Amino acid sequence: MVSVPSVKLSSGKSIPIIGLGVWETTQDVAGTIVSKALDVGYRHVDSAACYYNEQEVCEGISSWLKKNPTVKREEVFYTTKIWDPEHGYEKTKKAIEDSLEKAKSIDYIDLILVHSPQSDDEKRHGTWNCWHILT
């Protein structure tokens, strides 16, 4: 297995600098692909609500961790994203809750990004104001 370098974030957590992106990965194979990527050394998986595979990706991580009990959950970094139609405080709050529900098999999400800034000023600010939900 190859060791992938990490970068320390301002939160104190480290994020591997190379990650597996699962855009256009269908639900029926997402878990298997993620598990195989973890087998060969990936420790960062990047998904998004609009990829429609968050739950399957998380289940792939969970399954792999169960098969590899010497690896701690903290050693696998999981990222997801808030899609443009979910901008705005209430919609973002709901999107975060939905993503957390899909990630329950791995207990938590390491990083939630705003997928793009393509909404109006009010919605973007509402989205950013949801940061406290995760702290």
Protein backbone atom coordinates (compact mmCIF):
# COMPACT_ATOMS: atom_id res chain seq x y z
CA MET A 1 0.00 0.00 0.00
CA VAL A 2 1.19 3.51 -0.87
CA SER A 3 1.15 6.19 1.80
CA VAL A 4 -0.52 9.38 0.56
CA PRO A 5 0.70 12.68 2.03
CA SER A 6 -1.79 14.83 3.92
CA VAL A 7 -2.21 18.53 4.55
CA LYS A 8 -3.28 19.86 7.95
CA LEU A 9 -6.43 22.00 7.86
CA SER A 10 -7.08 24.96 10.16
CA SER A 11 -9.41 22.67 12.14
CA GLY A 12 -6.43 20.52 13.02
CA LYS A 13 -7.66 17.60 10.92
CA SER A 14 -5.50 16.27 8.11
CA ILE A 15 -6.81 15.72 4.60
CA PRO A 16 -5.06 13.37 2.16
CA ILE A 17 -3.93 15.35 -0.88
CA ILE A 18 -5.12 12.66 -3.30
CA GLY A 19 -8.70 11.47 -3.19
CA LEU A 20 -11.11 9.32 -5.13
CA GLY A 21 -13.87 11.31 -6.81
CA VAL A 22 -17.06 9.36 -7.44
CA TRP A 23 -18.84 11.66 -9.90
CA GLU A 24 -20.78 9.57 -12.44
CA THR A 25 -20.25 6.44 -10.33
CA THR A 26 -23.56 4.60 -10.26
CA GLN A 27 -25.12 3.43 -7.04
CA ASP A 28 -24.81 -0.25 -7.96
CA VAL A 29 -20.99 -0.12 -8.08
CA ALA A 30 -20.10 2.83 -5.83
CA GLY A 31 -19.54 0.79 -2.67
CA THR A 32 -17.35 -1.76 -4.45
CA ILE A 33 -15.26 0.89 -6.18
CA VAL A 34 -14.73 2.77 -2.92
CA SER A 35 -13.74 -0.43 -1.13
CA LYS A 36 -11.23 -1.33 -3.86
CA ALA A 37 -9.80 2.20 -3.78
CA LEU A 38 -9.32 1.93 -0.03
CA ASP A 39 -7.65 -1.46 -0.57
CA VAL A 40 -4.97 0.14 -2.76
CA GLY A 41 -4.29 3.04 -0.42
CA TYR A 42 -6.80 5.83 -1.05
CA ARG A 43 -7.86 7.46 2.21
CA HIS A 44 -9.98 10.31 0.87
CA VAL A 45 -13.31 9.84 -0.91
CA ASP A 46 -15.14 12.79 -2.46
CA SER A 47 -18.87 12.56 -3.15
CA ALA A 48 -21.75 15.02 -3.45
CA ALA A 49 -25.50 15.04 -3.04
CA CYS A 50 -25.95 15.59 -6.77
CA TYR A 51 -23.92 12.45 -7.55
CA TYR A 52 -26.76 10.39 -6.04
CA ASN A 53 -24.35 7.92 -4.47
CA GLU A 54 -23.56 9.32 -1.02
CA GLN A 55 -25.14 6.46 0.89
CA GLU A 56 -23.55 3.76 -1.23
CA VAL A 57 -20.14 5.44 -0.95
CA CYS A 58 -20.47 5.60 2.83
CA GLU A 59 -21.59 1.98 2.96
CA GLY A 60 -18.48 1.08 0.92
CA ILE A 61 -16.29 2.89 3.46
CA SER A 62 -18.11 1.24 6.36
CA SER A 63 -17.84 -2.22 4.83
CA TRP A 64 -14.14 -1.74 4.16
CA LEU A 65 -13.49 -0.55 7.71
CA LYS A 66 -15.24 -3.63 9.09
CA LYS A 67 -13.00 -5.84 6.92
CA ASN A 68 -9.93 -3.89 8.10
CA PRO A 69 -10.39 -3.49 11.86
CA THR A 70 -6.85 -2.17 12.37
CA VAL A 71 -7.79 0.97 10.39
CA LYS A 72 -9.66 3.61 12.36
CA ARG A 73 -12.49 5.64 10.89
CA GLU A 74 -10.37 8.77 11.48
CA GLU A 75 -7.93 7.48 8.87
CA VAL A 76 -10.50 7.72 6.05
CA PHE A 77 -11.52 11.24 5.04
CA TYR A 78 -15.02 11.63 3.56
CA THR A 79 -16.13 14.77 1.72
CA THR A 80 -19.53 15.65 0.31
CA LYS A 81 -21.03 18.80 -1.13
CA ILE A 82 -24.12 21.00 -1.02
CA TRP A 83 -25.61 21.38 -4.51
CA ASP A 84 -26.82 24.73 -5.90
CA PRO A 85 -30.59 24.11 -5.50
CA GLU A 86 -29.98 23.51 -1.77
CA HIS A 87 -28.50 26.97 -1.17
CA GLY A 88 -30.14 29.11 1.49
CA TYR A 89 -30.19 28.50 5.23
CA GLU A 90 -33.19 26.18 5.54
CA LYS A 91 -32.47 24.22 2.36
CA THR A 92 -28.81 23.83 3.29
CA LYS A 93 -29.72 22.74 6.80
CA LYS A 94 -32.00 20.06 5.33
CA ALA A 95 -29.32 19.02 2.80
CA ILE A 96 -26.77 18.61 5.60
CA GLU A 97 -29.24 16.55 7.64
CA ASP A 98 -29.92 14.37 4.58
CA SER A 99 -26.20 13.87 3.92
CA LEU A 100 -25.59 13.02 7.58
CA GLU A 101 -28.37 10.45 7.43
CA LYS A 102 -26.78 8.87 4.35
CA ALA A 103 -23.42 8.84 6.17
CA LYS A 104 -24.69 7.25 9.37
CA SER A 105 -22.85 4.01 8.58
CA ILE A 106 -19.56 5.91 8.99
CA ASP A 107 -20.76 8.13 11.87
CA TYR A 108 -19.78 11.51 10.46
CA ILE A 109 -18.72 13.58 7.47
CA ASP A 110 -15.23 15.07 7.56
CA LEU A 111 -15.86 17.96 5.16
CA ILE A 112 -18.93 19.50 3.55
CA LEU A 113 -18.26 21.88 0.70
CA VAL A 114 -20.52 24.28 -1.17
CA HIS A 115 -20.45 22.69 -4.63
CA SER A 116 -20.48 26.03 -6.43
CA PRO A 117 -21.31 29.68 -5.74
CA GLN A 118 -24.02 29.78 -8.40
CA SER A 119 -26.89 31.29 -6.45
CA ASP A 120 -27.76 34.77 -5.31
CA ASP A 121 -26.07 36.65 -2.47
CA GLU A 122 -28.79 35.96 0.08
CA LYS A 123 -28.84 32.20 -0.59
CA ARG A 124 -25.05 31.94 -0.50
CA HIS A 125 -24.91 33.73 2.84
CA GLY A 126 -27.66 31.51 4.21
CA THR A 127 -25.69 28.47 3.10
CA TRP A 128 -22.49 29.70 4.73
CA ASN A 129 -24.39 30.45 7.96
CA CYS A 130 -25.12 26.72 8.34
CA TRP A 131 -21.52 26.01 9.36
CA HIS A 132 -22.53 25.97 13.04
CA ILE A 133 -24.69 22.88 12.51
CA LEU A 134 -21.52 20.83 12.20
CA THR A 135 -19.60 22.26 15.13
